[in-house]
Amino acid sequence: MKKGGLVFSTNRHFELEKENSENNICKSQFILSVCFEKKGRAGKGVTIIKGFEGKKQTLNLLSKKIKQSLGLGGSIKANDIIIQGRVQEKIITLLKTDGYRTKKVGG
């Protein structure tokens, strides 16, 4: 059962808040940095997407979409999406078609 929902109000001037301004972040308001790292990973390289600002649920959906599109594994740690392998260009292309602003960091 949902809690905290508004059922009825007698106030004619009452306006229900749609969402917090924190949750209304547009994709084009921040830049996602896409970088490749091997350091501290036993020689195995990963592509890391940093700089995401928004809901945790949106981050999870974005991560899932990237992993399914590329057929690769990965995880989320500290608001960073970590994808196995060197796939910077493919991820940048995928993010740009989805409306995100991106920046390639490193080689």
PDB file of N, CA and C in Angstrom:
ATOM      1  N   MET A   1       0.834  -1.184   0.000  1.00  0.00           N
ATOM      2  CA  MET A   1       0.000   0.000   0.000  1.00  0.00           C
ATOM      3  C   MET A   1       0.876   1.245   0.000  1.00  0.00           C
ATOM      4  N   LYS A   2       0.571   2.194  -0.869  1.00  0.00           N
ATOM      5  CA  LYS A   2       1.324   3.444  -0.941  1.00  0.00           C
ATOM      6  C   LYS A   2       0.981   4.328   0.240  1.00  0.00           C
ATOM      7  N   LYS A   3       1.979   5.021   0.748  1.00  0.00           N
ATOM      8  CA  LYS A   3       1.757   5.958   1.849  1.00  0.00           C
ATOM      9  C   LYS A   3       2.102   7.364   1.402  1.00  0.00           C
ATOM     10  N   GLY A   4       1.451   8.349   1.972  1.00  0.00           N
ATOM     11  CA  GLY A   4       1.807   9.733   1.729  1.00  0.00           C
ATOM     12  C   GLY A   4       1.142  10.377   0.538  1.00  0.00           C
ATOM     13  N   GLY A   5       0.234   9.701  -0.117  1.00  0.00           N
ATOM     14  CA  GLY A   5      -0.437  10.272  -1.269  1.00  0.00           C
ATOM     15  C   GLY A   5      -1.589  11.178  -0.848  1.00  0.00           C
ATOM     16  N   LEU A   6      -1.892  12.206  -1.641  1.00  0.00           N
ATOM     17  CA  LEU A   6      -2.979  13.125  -1.365  1.00  0.00           C
ATOM     18  C   LEU A   6      -4.289  12.518  -1.857  1.00  0.00           C
ATOM     19  N   VAL A   7      -5.274  12.485  -0.991  1.00  0.00           N
ATOM     20  CA  VAL A   7      -6.568  11.932  -1.362  1.00  0.00           C
ATOM     21  C   VAL A   7      -7.563  13.039  -1.666  1.00  0.00           C
ATOM     22  N   PHE A   8      -7.645  14.068  -0.780  1.00  0.00           N
ATOM     23  CA  PHE A   8      -8.624  15.121  -0.947  1.00  0.00           C
ATOM     24  C   PHE A   8      -8.145  16.372  -0.229  1.00  0.00           C
ATOM     25  N   SER A   9      -8.413  17.552  -0.806  1.00  0.00           N
ATOM     26  CA  SER A   9      -8.064  18.809  -0.170  1.00  0.00           C
ATOM     27  C   SER A   9      -9.209  19.795  -0.362  1.00  0.00           C
ATOM     28  N   THR A  10      -9.529  20.533   0.708  1.00  0.00           N
ATOM     29  CA  THR A  10     -10.580  21.543   0.618  1.00  0.00           C
ATOM     30  C   THR A  10     -10.015  22.907   0.226  1.00  0.00           C
ATOM     31  N   ASN A  11      -8.699  23.025   0.169  1.00  0.00           N
ATOM     32  CA  ASN A  11      -8.040  24.266  -0.194  1.00  0.00           C
ATOM     33  C   ASN A  11      -8.105  24.446  -1.716  1.00  0.00           C
ATOM     34  N   ARG A  12      -8.804  25.490  -2.174  1.00  0.00           N
ATOM     35  CA  ARG A  12      -8.963  25.734  -3.610  1.00  0.00           C
ATOM     36  C   ARG A  12      -7.666  26.165  -4.279  1.00  0.00           C
ATOM     37  N   HIS A  13      -6.747  26.722  -3.511  1.00  0.00           N
ATOM     38  CA  HIS A  13      -5.507  27.245  -4.070  1.00  0.00           C
ATOM     39  C   HIS A  13      -4.336  26.290  -3.874  1.00  0.00           C
ATOM     40  N   PHE A  14      -4.619  25.093  -3.455  1.00  0.00           N
ATOM     41  CA  PHE A  14      -3.578  24.107  -3.209  1.00  0.00           C
ATOM     42  C   PHE A  14      -2.998  23.596  -4.529  1.00  0.00           C
ATOM     43  N   GLU A  15      -1.664  23.578  -4.617  1.00  0.00           N
ATOM     44  CA  GLU A  15      -0.996  23.041  -5.801  1.00  0.00           C
ATOM     45  C   GLU A  15      -0.063  21.924  -5.362  1.00  0.00           C
ATOM     46  N   LEU A  16      -0.271  20.782  -5.904  1.00  0.00           N
ATOM     47  CA  LEU A  16       0.544  19.626  -5.587  1.00  0.00           C
ATOM     48  C   LEU A  16       1.888  19.753  -6.301  1.00  0.00           C
ATOM     49  N   GLU A  17       2.989  19.625  -5.542  1.00  0.00           N
ATOM     50  CA  GLU A  17       4.319  19.683  -6.156  1.00  0.00           C
ATOM     51  C   GLU A  17       4.498  18.485  -7.047  1.00  0.00           C
ATOM     52  N   LYS A  18       4.891  18.723  -8.284  1.00  0.00           N
ATOM     53  CA  LYS A  18       5.088  17.621  -9.235  1.00  0.00           C
ATOM     54  C   LYS A  18       6.295  16.780  -8.832  1.00  0.00           C
ATOM     55  N   GLU A  19       7.472  17.404  -8.758  1.00  0.00           N
ATOM     56  CA  GLU A  19       8.697  16.729  -8.373  1.00  0.00           C
ATOM     57  C   GLU A  19       9.658  17.765  -7.818  1.00  0.00           C
ATOM     58  N   ASN A  20      10.645  17.285  -7.073  1.00  0.00           N
ATOM     59  CA  ASN A  20      11.703  18.178  -6.608  1.00  0.00           C
ATOM     60  C   ASN A  20      12.494  18.698  -7.796  1.00  0.00           C
ATOM     61  N   SER A  21      13.079  19.871  -7.659  1.00  0.00           N
ATOM     62  CA  SER A  21      13.918  20.381  -8.736  1.00  0.00           C
ATOM     63  C   SER A  21      15.138  19.486  -8.929  1.00  0.00           C
ATOM     64  N   GLU A  22      15.529  18.784  -7.870  1.00  0.00           N
ATOM     65  CA  GLU A  22      16.657  17.854  -7.951  1.00  0.00           C
ATOM     66  C   GLU A  22      16.341  16.703  -8.906  1.00  0.00           C
ATOM     67  N   ASN A  23      15.092  16.289  -8.960  1.00  0.00           N
ATOM     68  CA  ASN A  23      14.692  15.175  -9.804  1.00  0.00           C
ATOM     69  C   ASN A  23      14.367  15.611 -11.233  1.00  0.00           C
ATOM     70  N   ASN A  24      14.287  16.919 -11.487  1.00  0.00           N
ATOM     71  CA  ASN A  24      13.943  17.439 -12.808  1.00  0.00           C
ATOM     72  C   ASN A  24      15.179  17.790 -13.629  1.00  0.00           C
ATOM     73  N   ILE A  25      16.246  17.042 -13.441  1.00  0.00           N
ATOM     74  CA  ILE A  25      17.480  17.338 -14.145  1.00  0.00           C
ATOM     75  C   ILE A  25      17.366  16.835 -15.579  1.00  0.00           C
ATOM     76  N   CYS A  26      17.670  17.717 -16.514  1.00  0.00           N
ATOM     77  CA  CYS A  26      17.618  17.390 -17.932  1.00  0.00           C
ATOM     78  C   CYS A  26      18.935  16.729 -18.351  1.00  0.00           C
ATOM     79  N   LYS A  27      18.856  15.839 -19.323  1.00  0.00           N
ATOM     80  CA  LYS A  27      20.040  15.111 -19.790  1.00  0.00           C
ATOM     81  C   LYS A  27      21.129  16.048 -20.291  1.00  0.00           C
ATOM     82  N   SER A  28      20.738  17.166 -20.873  1.00  0.00           N
ATOM     83  CA  SER A  28      21.724  18.065 -21.467  1.00  0.00           C
ATOM     84  C   SER A  28      22.309  19.061 -20.461  1.00  0.00           C
ATOM     85  N   GLN A  29      21.938  18.967 -19.184  1.00  0.00           N
ATOM     86  CA  GLN A  29      22.451  19.902 -18.179  1.00  0.00           C
ATOM     87  C   GLN A  29      23.783  19.462 -17.581  1.00  0.00           C
ATOM     88  N   PHE A  30      24.207  18.238 -17.868  1.00  0.00           N
ATOM     89  CA  PHE A  30      25.480  17.759 -17.336  1.00  0.00           C
ATOM     90  C   PHE A  30      26.221  17.001 -18.438  1.00  0.00           C
ATOM     91  N   ILE A  31      27.521  16.854 -18.258  1.00  0.00           N
ATOM     92  CA  ILE A  31      28.354  16.173 -19.246  1.00  0.00           C
ATOM     93  C   ILE A  31      28.852  14.864 -18.637  1.00  0.00           C
ATOM     94  N   LEU A  32      28.668  13.769 -19.367  1.00  0.00           N
ATOM     95  CA  LEU A  32      29.162  12.472 -18.925  1.00  0.00           C
ATOM     96  C   LEU A  32      30.569  12.271 -19.472  1.00  0.00           C
ATOM     97  N   SER A  33      31.512  11.981 -18.589  1.00  0.00           N
ATOM     98  CA  SER A  33      32.885  11.698 -18.996  1.00  0.00           C
ATOM     99  C   SER A  33      33.032  10.200 -19.193  1.00  0.00           C
ATOM    100  N   VAL A  34      33.553   9.801 -20.355  1.00  0.00           N
ATOM    101  CA  VAL A  34      33.743   8.386 -20.664  1.00  0.00           C
ATOM    102  C   VAL A  34      35.244   8.142 -20.745  1.00  0.00           C
ATOM    103  N   CYS A  35      35.778   7.338 -19.819  1.00  0.00           N
ATOM    104  CA  CYS A  35      37.218   7.106 -19.788  1.00  0.00           C
ATOM    105  C   CYS A  35      37.538   5.615 -19.679  1.00  0.00           C
ATOM    106  N   PHE A  36      38.765   5.251 -20.052  1.00  0.00           N
ATOM    107  CA  PHE A  36      39.235   3.872 -20.000  1.00  0.00           C
ATOM    108  C   PHE A  36      40.294   3.760 -18.910  1.00  0.00           C
ATOM    109  N   GLU A  37      40.205   2.698 -18.094  1.00  0.00           N
ATOM    110  CA  GLU A  37      41.154   2.489 -17.002  1.00  0.00           C
ATOM    111  C   GLU A  37      41.554   1.030 -16.913  1.00  0.00           C
ATOM    112  N   LYS A  38      42.842   0.806 -16.597  1.00  0.00           N
ATOM    113  CA  LYS A  38      43.333  -0.542 -16.327  1.00  0.00           C
ATOM    114  C   LYS A  38      43.929  -0.628 -14.928  1.00  0.00           C
ATOM    115  N   LYS A  39      44.195   0.520 -14.341  1.00  0.00           N
ATOM    116  CA  LYS A  39      44.896   0.601 -13.073  1.00  0.00           C
ATOM    117  C   LYS A  39      44.137  -0.121 -11.953  1.00  0.00           C
ATOM    118  N   GLY A  40      44.826  -0.997 -11.251  1.00  0.00           N
ATOM    119  CA  GLY A  40      44.251  -1.677 -10.096  1.00  0.00           C
ATOM    120  C   GLY A  40      43.214  -2.726 -10.446  1.00  0.00           C
ATOM    121  N   ARG A  41      43.244  -3.228 -11.678  1.00  0.00           N
ATOM    122  CA  ARG A  41      42.240  -4.208 -12.112  1.00  0.00           C
ATOM    123  C   ARG A  41      42.907  -5.454 -12.699  1.00  0.00           C
ATOM    124  N   ALA A  42      44.089  -5.769 -12.228  1.00  0.00           N
ATOM    125  CA  ALA A  42      44.835  -6.950 -12.659  1.00  0.00           C
ATOM    126  C   ALA A  42      45.016  -6.987 -14.178  1.00  0.00           C
ATOM    127  N   GLY A  43      45.237  -5.830 -14.797  1.00  0.00           N
ATOM    128  CA  GLY A  43      45.490  -5.755 -16.227  1.00  0.00           C
ATOM    129  C   GLY A  43      44.255  -5.774 -17.108  1.00  0.00           C
ATOM    130  N   LYS A  44      43.098  -5.937 -16.513  1.00  0.00           N
ATOM    131  CA  LYS A  44      41.857  -5.953 -17.299  1.00  0.00           C
ATOM    132  C   LYS A  44      41.307  -4.535 -17.372  1.00  0.00           C
ATOM    133  N   GLY A  45      40.991  -4.097 -18.573  1.00  0.00           N
ATOM    134  CA  GLY A  45      40.521  -2.734 -18.777  1.00  0.00           C
ATOM    135  C   GLY A  45      39.010  -2.603 -18.660  1.00  0.00           C
ATOM    136  N   VAL A  46      38.585  -1.454 -18.170  1.00  0.00           N
ATOM    137  CA  VAL A  46      37.160  -1.137 -18.080  1.00  0.00           C
ATOM    138  C   VAL A  46      36.922   0.282 -18.586  1.00  0.00           C
ATOM    139  N   THR A  47      35.732   0.516 -19.102  1.00  0.00           N
ATOM    140  CA  THR A  47      35.309   1.854 -19.498  1.00  0.00           C
ATOM    141  C   THR A  47      34.408   2.384 -18.395  1.00  0.00           C
ATOM    142  N   ILE A  48      34.708   3.587 -17.923  1.00  0.00           N
ATOM    143  CA  ILE A  48      33.961   4.174 -16.807  1.00  0.00           C
ATOM    144  C   ILE A  48      33.234   5.423 -17.289  1.00  0.00           C
ATOM    145  N   ILE A  49      31.940   5.508 -16.940  1.00  0.00           N
ATOM    146  CA  ILE A  49      31.121   6.674 -17.274  1.00  0.00           C
ATOM    147  C   ILE A  49      30.898   7.446 -15.980  1.00  0.00           C
ATOM    148  N   LYS A  50      31.436   8.653 -15.920  1.00  0.00           N
ATOM    149  CA  LYS A  50      31.383   9.477 -14.704  1.00  0.00           C
ATOM    150  C   LYS A  50      30.569  10.732 -14.949  1.00  0.00           C
ATOM    151  N   GLY A  51      30.067  11.317 -13.865  1.00  0.00           N
ATOM    152  CA  GLY A  51      29.417  12.618 -13.947  1.00  0.00           C
ATOM    153  C   GLY A  51      27.911  12.570 -14.075  1.00  0.00           C
ATOM    154  N   PHE A  52      27.285  11.424 -13.827  1.00  0.00           N
ATOM    155  CA  PHE A  52      25.828  11.344 -13.948  1.00  0.00           C
ATOM    156  C   PHE A  52      25.173  12.073 -12.781  1.00  0.00           C
ATOM    157  N   GLU A  53      24.203  12.917 -13.088  1.00  0.00           N
ATOM    158  CA  GLU A  53      23.434  13.638 -12.070  1.00  0.00           C
ATOM    159  C   GLU A  53      21.967  13.313 -12.293  1.00  0.00           C
ATOM    160  N   GLY A  54      21.338  12.749 -11.324  1.00  0.00           N
ATOM    161  CA  GLY A  54      19.934  12.391 -11.464  1.00  0.00           C
ATOM    162  C   GLY A  54      19.555  11.289 -10.497  1.00  0.00           C
ATOM    163  N   LYS A  55      18.398  10.715 -10.728  1.00  0.00           N
ATOM    164  CA  LYS A  55      17.874   9.668  -9.860  1.00  0.00           C
ATOM    165  C   LYS A  55      18.673   8.385 -10.002  1.00  0.00           C
ATOM    166  N   LYS A  56      18.752   7.647  -8.924  1.00  0.00           N
ATOM    167  CA  LYS A  56      19.435   6.346  -8.926  1.00  0.00           C
ATOM    168  C   LYS A  56      18.739   5.386  -9.889  1.00  0.00           C
ATOM    169  N   GLN A  57      17.416   5.473  -9.960  1.00  0.00           N
ATOM    170  CA  GLN A  57      16.641   4.611 -10.847  1.00  0.00           C
ATOM    171  C   GLN A  57      17.005   4.876 -12.322  1.00  0.00           C
ATOM    172  N   THR A  58      17.174   6.134 -12.676  1.00  0.00           N
ATOM    173  CA  THR A  58      17.551   6.497 -14.043  1.00  0.00           C
ATOM    174  C   THR A  58      18.955   5.994 -14.360  1.00  0.00           C
ATOM    175  N   LEU A  59      19.852   6.082 -13.388  1.00  0.00           N
ATOM    176  CA  LEU A  59      21.212   5.580 -13.554  1.00  0.00           C
ATOM    177  C   LEU A  59      21.189   4.071 -13.800  1.00  0.00           C
ATOM    178  N   ASN A  60      20.377   3.351 -13.035  1.00  0.00           N
ATOM    179  CA  ASN A  60      20.258   1.900 -13.205  1.00  0.00           C
ATOM    180  C   ASN A  60      19.721   1.547 -14.585  1.00  0.00           C
ATOM    181  N   LEU A  61      18.709   2.285 -15.051  1.00  0.00           N
ATOM    182  CA  LEU A  61      18.144   2.024 -16.373  1.00  0.00           C
ATOM    183  C   LEU A  61      19.148   2.308 -17.487  1.00  0.00           C
ATOM    184  N   LEU A  62      19.911   3.393 -17.340  1.00  0.00           N
ATOM    185  CA  LEU A  62      20.932   3.730 -18.334  1.00  0.00           C
ATOM    186  C   LEU A  62      22.009   2.652 -18.387  1.00  0.00           C
ATOM    187  N   SER A  63      22.446   2.197 -17.221  1.00  0.00           N
ATOM    188  CA  SER A  63      23.452   1.145 -17.149  1.00  0.00           C
ATOM    189  C   SER A  63      22.954  -0.134 -17.819  1.00  0.00           C
ATOM    190  N   LYS A  64      21.724  -0.489 -17.531  1.00  0.00           N
ATOM    191  CA  LYS A  64      21.133  -1.698 -18.109  1.00  0.00           C
ATOM    192  C   LYS A  64      21.044  -1.591 -19.635  1.00  0.00           C
ATOM    193  N   LYS A  65      20.646  -0.417 -20.112  1.00  0.00           N
ATOM    194  CA  LYS A  65      20.526  -0.201 -21.557  1.00  0.00           C
ATOM    195  C   LYS A  65      21.879  -0.343 -22.256  1.00  0.00           C
ATOM    196  N   ILE A  66      22.920   0.245 -21.661  1.00  0.00           N
ATOM    197  CA  ILE A  66      24.258   0.177 -22.242  1.00  0.00           C
ATOM    198  C   ILE A  66      24.749  -1.270 -22.272  1.00  0.00           C
ATOM    199  N   LYS A  67      24.596  -1.973 -21.164  1.00  0.00           N
ATOM    200  CA  LYS A  67      25.074  -3.360 -21.091  1.00  0.00           C
ATOM    201  C   LYS A  67      24.335  -4.264 -22.071  1.00  0.00           C
ATOM    202  N   GLN A  68      23.032  -4.082 -22.206  1.00  0.00           N
ATOM    203  CA  GLN A  68      22.267  -4.912 -23.139  1.00  0.00           C
ATOM    204  C   GLN A  68      22.593  -4.572 -24.590  1.00  0.00           C
ATOM    205  N   SER A  69      22.769  -3.302 -24.884  1.00  0.00           N
ATOM    206  CA  SER A  69      23.064  -2.886 -26.259  1.00  0.00           C
ATOM    207  C   SER A  69      24.407  -3.421 -26.736  1.00  0.00           C
ATOM    208  N   LEU A  70      25.391  -3.431 -25.844  1.00  0.00           N
ATOM    209  CA  LEU A  70      26.735  -3.852 -26.222  1.00  0.00           C
ATOM    210  C   LEU A  70      27.010  -5.319 -25.907  1.00  0.00           C
ATOM    211  N   GLY A  71      26.130  -5.951 -25.151  1.00  0.00           N
ATOM    212  CA  GLY A  71      26.322  -7.352 -24.782  1.00  0.00           C
ATOM    213  C   GLY A  71      27.507  -7.551 -23.856  1.00  0.00           C
ATOM    214  N   LEU A  72      27.709  -6.611 -22.948  1.00  0.00           N
ATOM    215  CA  LEU A  72      28.841  -6.656 -22.024  1.00  0.00           C
ATOM    216  C   LEU A  72      28.364  -6.610 -20.587  1.00  0.00           C
ATOM    217  N   GLY A  73      29.240  -6.997 -19.675  1.00  0.00           N
ATOM    218  CA  GLY A  73      28.935  -6.925 -18.251  1.00  0.00           C
ATOM    219  C   GLY A  73      29.405  -5.609 -17.678  1.00  0.00           C
ATOM    220  N   GLY A  74      28.963  -5.341 -16.471  1.00  0.00           N
ATOM    221  CA  GLY A  74      29.377  -4.119 -15.804  1.00  0.00           C
ATOM    222  C   GLY A  74      28.672  -3.953 -14.480  1.00  0.00           C
ATOM    223  N   SER A  75      28.909  -2.814 -13.843  1.00  0.00           N
ATOM    224  CA  SER A  75      28.297  -2.534 -12.544  1.00  0.00           C
ATOM    225  C   SER A  75      28.215  -1.027 -12.325  1.00  0.00           C
ATOM    226  N   ILE A  76      27.637  -0.668 -11.175  1.00  0.00           N
ATOM    227  CA  ILE A  76      27.544   0.738 -10.776  1.00  0.00           C
ATOM    228  C   ILE A  76      28.209   0.869  -9.415  1.00  0.00           C
ATOM    229  N   LYS A  77      29.147   1.806  -9.305  1.00  0.00           N
ATOM    230  CA  LYS A  77      29.793   2.087  -8.021  1.00  0.00           C
ATOM    231  C   LYS A  77      29.936   3.592  -7.873  1.00  0.00           C
ATOM    232  N   ALA A  78      29.419   4.133  -6.801  1.00  0.00           N
ATOM    233  CA  ALA A  78      29.540   5.562  -6.480  1.00  0.00           C
ATOM    234  C   ALA A  78      29.094   6.452  -7.639  1.00  0.00           C
ATOM    235  N   ASN A  79      27.912   6.165  -8.207  1.00  0.00           N
ATOM    236  CA  ASN A  79      27.326   6.916  -9.319  1.00  0.00           C
ATOM    237  C   ASN A  79      28.160   6.867 -10.596  1.00  0.00           C
ATOM    238  N   ASP A  80      29.066   5.912 -10.713  1.00  0.00           N
ATOM    239  CA  ASP A  80      29.833   5.682 -11.931  1.00  0.00           C
ATOM    240  C   ASP A  80      29.380   4.358 -12.532  1.00  0.00           C
ATOM    241  N   ILE A  81      29.210   4.339 -13.851  1.00  0.00           N
ATOM    242  CA  ILE A  81      28.872   3.094 -14.534  1.00  0.00           C
ATOM    243  C   ILE A  81      30.176   2.499 -15.041  1.00  0.00           C
ATOM    244  N   ILE A  82      30.439   1.249 -14.668  1.00  0.00           N
ATOM    245  CA  ILE A  82      31.667   0.567 -15.060  1.00  0.00           C
ATOM    246  C   ILE A  82      31.300  -0.547 -16.034  1.00  0.00           C
ATOM    247  N   ILE A  83      31.853  -0.483 -17.248  1.00  0.00           N
ATOM    248  CA  ILE A  83      31.570  -1.457 -18.296  1.00  0.00           C
ATOM    249  C   ILE A  83      32.869  -2.182 -18.649  1.00  0.00           C
ATOM    250  N   GLN A  84      32.806  -3.498 -18.806  1.00  0.00           N
ATOM    251  CA  GLN A  84      33.987  -4.286 -19.126  1.00  0.00           C
ATOM    252  C   GLN A  84      34.459  -4.017 -20.556  1.00  0.00           C
ATOM    253  N   GLY A  85      35.761  -3.836 -20.712  1.00  0.00           N
ATOM    254  CA  GLY A  85      36.356  -3.683 -22.035  1.00  0.00           C
ATOM    255  C   GLY A  85      36.571  -2.235 -22.448  1.00  0.00           C
ATOM    256  N   ARG A  86      37.242  -2.078 -23.585  1.00  0.00           N
ATOM    257  CA  ARG A  86      37.535  -0.749 -24.136  1.00  0.00           C
ATOM    258  C   ARG A  86      36.488  -0.440 -25.206  1.00  0.00           C
ATOM    259  N   VAL A  87      35.416   0.214 -24.814  1.00  0.00           N
ATOM    260  CA  VAL A  87      34.293   0.484 -25.720  1.00  0.00           C
ATOM    261  C   VAL A  87      33.852   1.947 -25.627  1.00  0.00           C
ATOM    262  N   GLN A  88      34.819   2.843 -25.475  1.00  0.00           N
ATOM    263  CA  GLN A  88      34.511   4.266 -25.318  1.00  0.00           C
ATOM    264  C   GLN A  88      33.693   4.816 -26.478  1.00  0.00           C
ATOM    265  N   GLU A  89      34.137   4.555 -27.690  1.00  0.00           N
ATOM    266  CA  GLU A  89      33.467   5.129 -28.868  1.00  0.00           C
ATOM    267  C   GLU A  89      32.029   4.636 -29.001  1.00  0.00           C
ATOM    268  N   LYS A  90      31.817   3.352 -28.762  1.00  0.00           N
ATOM    269  CA  LYS A  90      30.466   2.792 -28.858  1.00  0.00           C
ATOM    270  C   LYS A  90      29.549   3.389 -27.797  1.00  0.00           C
ATOM    271  N   ILE A  91      30.072   3.568 -26.588  1.00  0.00           N
ATOM    272  CA  ILE A  91      29.272   4.141 -25.502  1.00  0.00           C
ATOM    273  C   ILE A  91      28.950   5.600 -25.791  1.00  0.00           C
ATOM    274  N   ILE A  92      29.918   6.360 -26.285  1.00  0.00           N
ATOM    275  CA  ILE A  92      29.685   7.771 -26.617  1.00  0.00           C
ATOM    276  C   ILE A  92      28.600   7.889 -27.680  1.00  0.00           C
ATOM    277  N   THR A  93      28.663   7.050 -28.698  1.00  0.00           N
ATOM    278  CA  THR A  93      27.649   7.060 -29.756  1.00  0.00           C
ATOM    279  C   THR A  93      26.268   6.742 -29.185  1.00  0.00           C
ATOM    280  N   LEU A  94      26.215   5.728 -28.331  1.00  0.00           N
ATOM    281  CA  LEU A  94      24.952   5.318 -27.721  1.00  0.00           C
ATOM    282  C   LEU A  94      24.369   6.429 -26.841  1.00  0.00           C
ATOM    283  N   LEU A  95      25.222   7.075 -26.045  1.00  0.00           N
ATOM    284  CA  LEU A  95      24.757   8.143 -25.151  1.00  0.00           C
ATOM    285  C   LEU A  95      24.288   9.365 -25.937  1.00  0.00           C
ATOM    286  N   LYS A  96      25.003   9.706 -27.007  1.00  0.00           N
ATOM    287  CA  LYS A  96      24.618  10.869 -27.812  1.00  0.00           C
ATOM    288  C   LYS A  96      23.277  10.650 -28.497  1.00  0.00           C
ATOM    289  N   THR A  97      23.016   9.433 -28.982  1.00  0.00           N
ATOM    290  CA  THR A  97      21.717   9.160 -29.617  1.00  0.00           C
ATOM    291  C   THR A  97      20.594   9.180 -28.589  1.00  0.00           C
ATOM    292  N   ASP A  98      20.960   8.976 -27.312  1.00  0.00           N
ATOM    293  CA  ASP A  98      19.964   9.015 -26.231  1.00  0.00           C
ATOM    294  C   ASP A  98      19.787  10.428 -25.673  1.00  0.00           C
ATOM    295  N   GLY A  99      20.557  11.401 -26.160  1.00  0.00           N
ATOM    296  CA  GLY A  99      20.374  12.794 -25.758  1.00  0.00           C
ATOM    297  C   GLY A  99      21.322  13.302 -24.696  1.00  0.00           C
ATOM    298  N   TYR A 100      22.324  12.515 -24.328  1.00  0.00           N
ATOM    299  CA  TYR A 100      23.287  12.945 -23.306  1.00  0.00           C
ATOM    300  C   TYR A 100      24.462  13.672 -23.962  1.00  0.00           C
ATOM    301  N   ARG A 101      25.056  14.612 -23.221  1.00  0.00           N
ATOM    302  CA  ARG A 101      26.279  15.277 -23.655  1.00  0.00           C
ATOM    303  C   ARG A 101      27.433  14.467 -23.104  1.00  0.00           C
ATOM    304  N   THR A 102      28.417  14.185 -23.952  1.00  0.00           N
ATOM    305  CA  THR A 102      29.532  13.334 -23.518  1.00  0.00           C
ATOM    306  C   THR A 102      30.866  13.975 -23.829  1.00  0.00           C
ATOM    307  N   LYS A 103      31.909  13.441 -23.143  1.00  0.00           N
ATOM    308  CA  LYS A 103      33.273  13.905 -23.350  1.00  0.00           C
ATOM    309  C   LYS A 103      34.182  12.696 -23.173  1.00  0.00           C
ATOM    310  N   LYS A 104      35.053  12.457 -24.150  1.00  0.00           N
ATOM    311  CA  LYS A 104      35.999  11.358 -24.051  1.00  0.00           C
ATOM    312  C   LYS A 104      37.211  11.822 -23.265  1.00  0.00           C
ATOM    313  N   VAL A 105      37.551  11.060 -22.218  1.00  0.00           N
ATOM    314  CA  VAL A 105      38.674  11.418 -21.362  1.00  0.00           C
ATOM    315  C   VAL A 105      39.739  10.346 -21.535  1.00  0.00           C
ATOM    316  N   GLY A 106      40.965  10.752 -21.789  1.00  0.00           N
ATOM    317  CA  GLY A 106      42.048   9.789 -21.967  1.00  0.00           C
ATOM    318  C   GLY A 106      42.091   9.229 -23.365  1.00  0.00           C
ATOM    319  N   GLY A 107      42.882   8.181 -23.552  1.00  0.00           N
ATOM    320  CA  GLY A 107      43.097   7.591 -24.861  1.00  0.00           C
ATOM    321  C   GLY A 107      42.049   6.646 -25.230  1.00  0.00           C
TER     322      GLY A 107
END
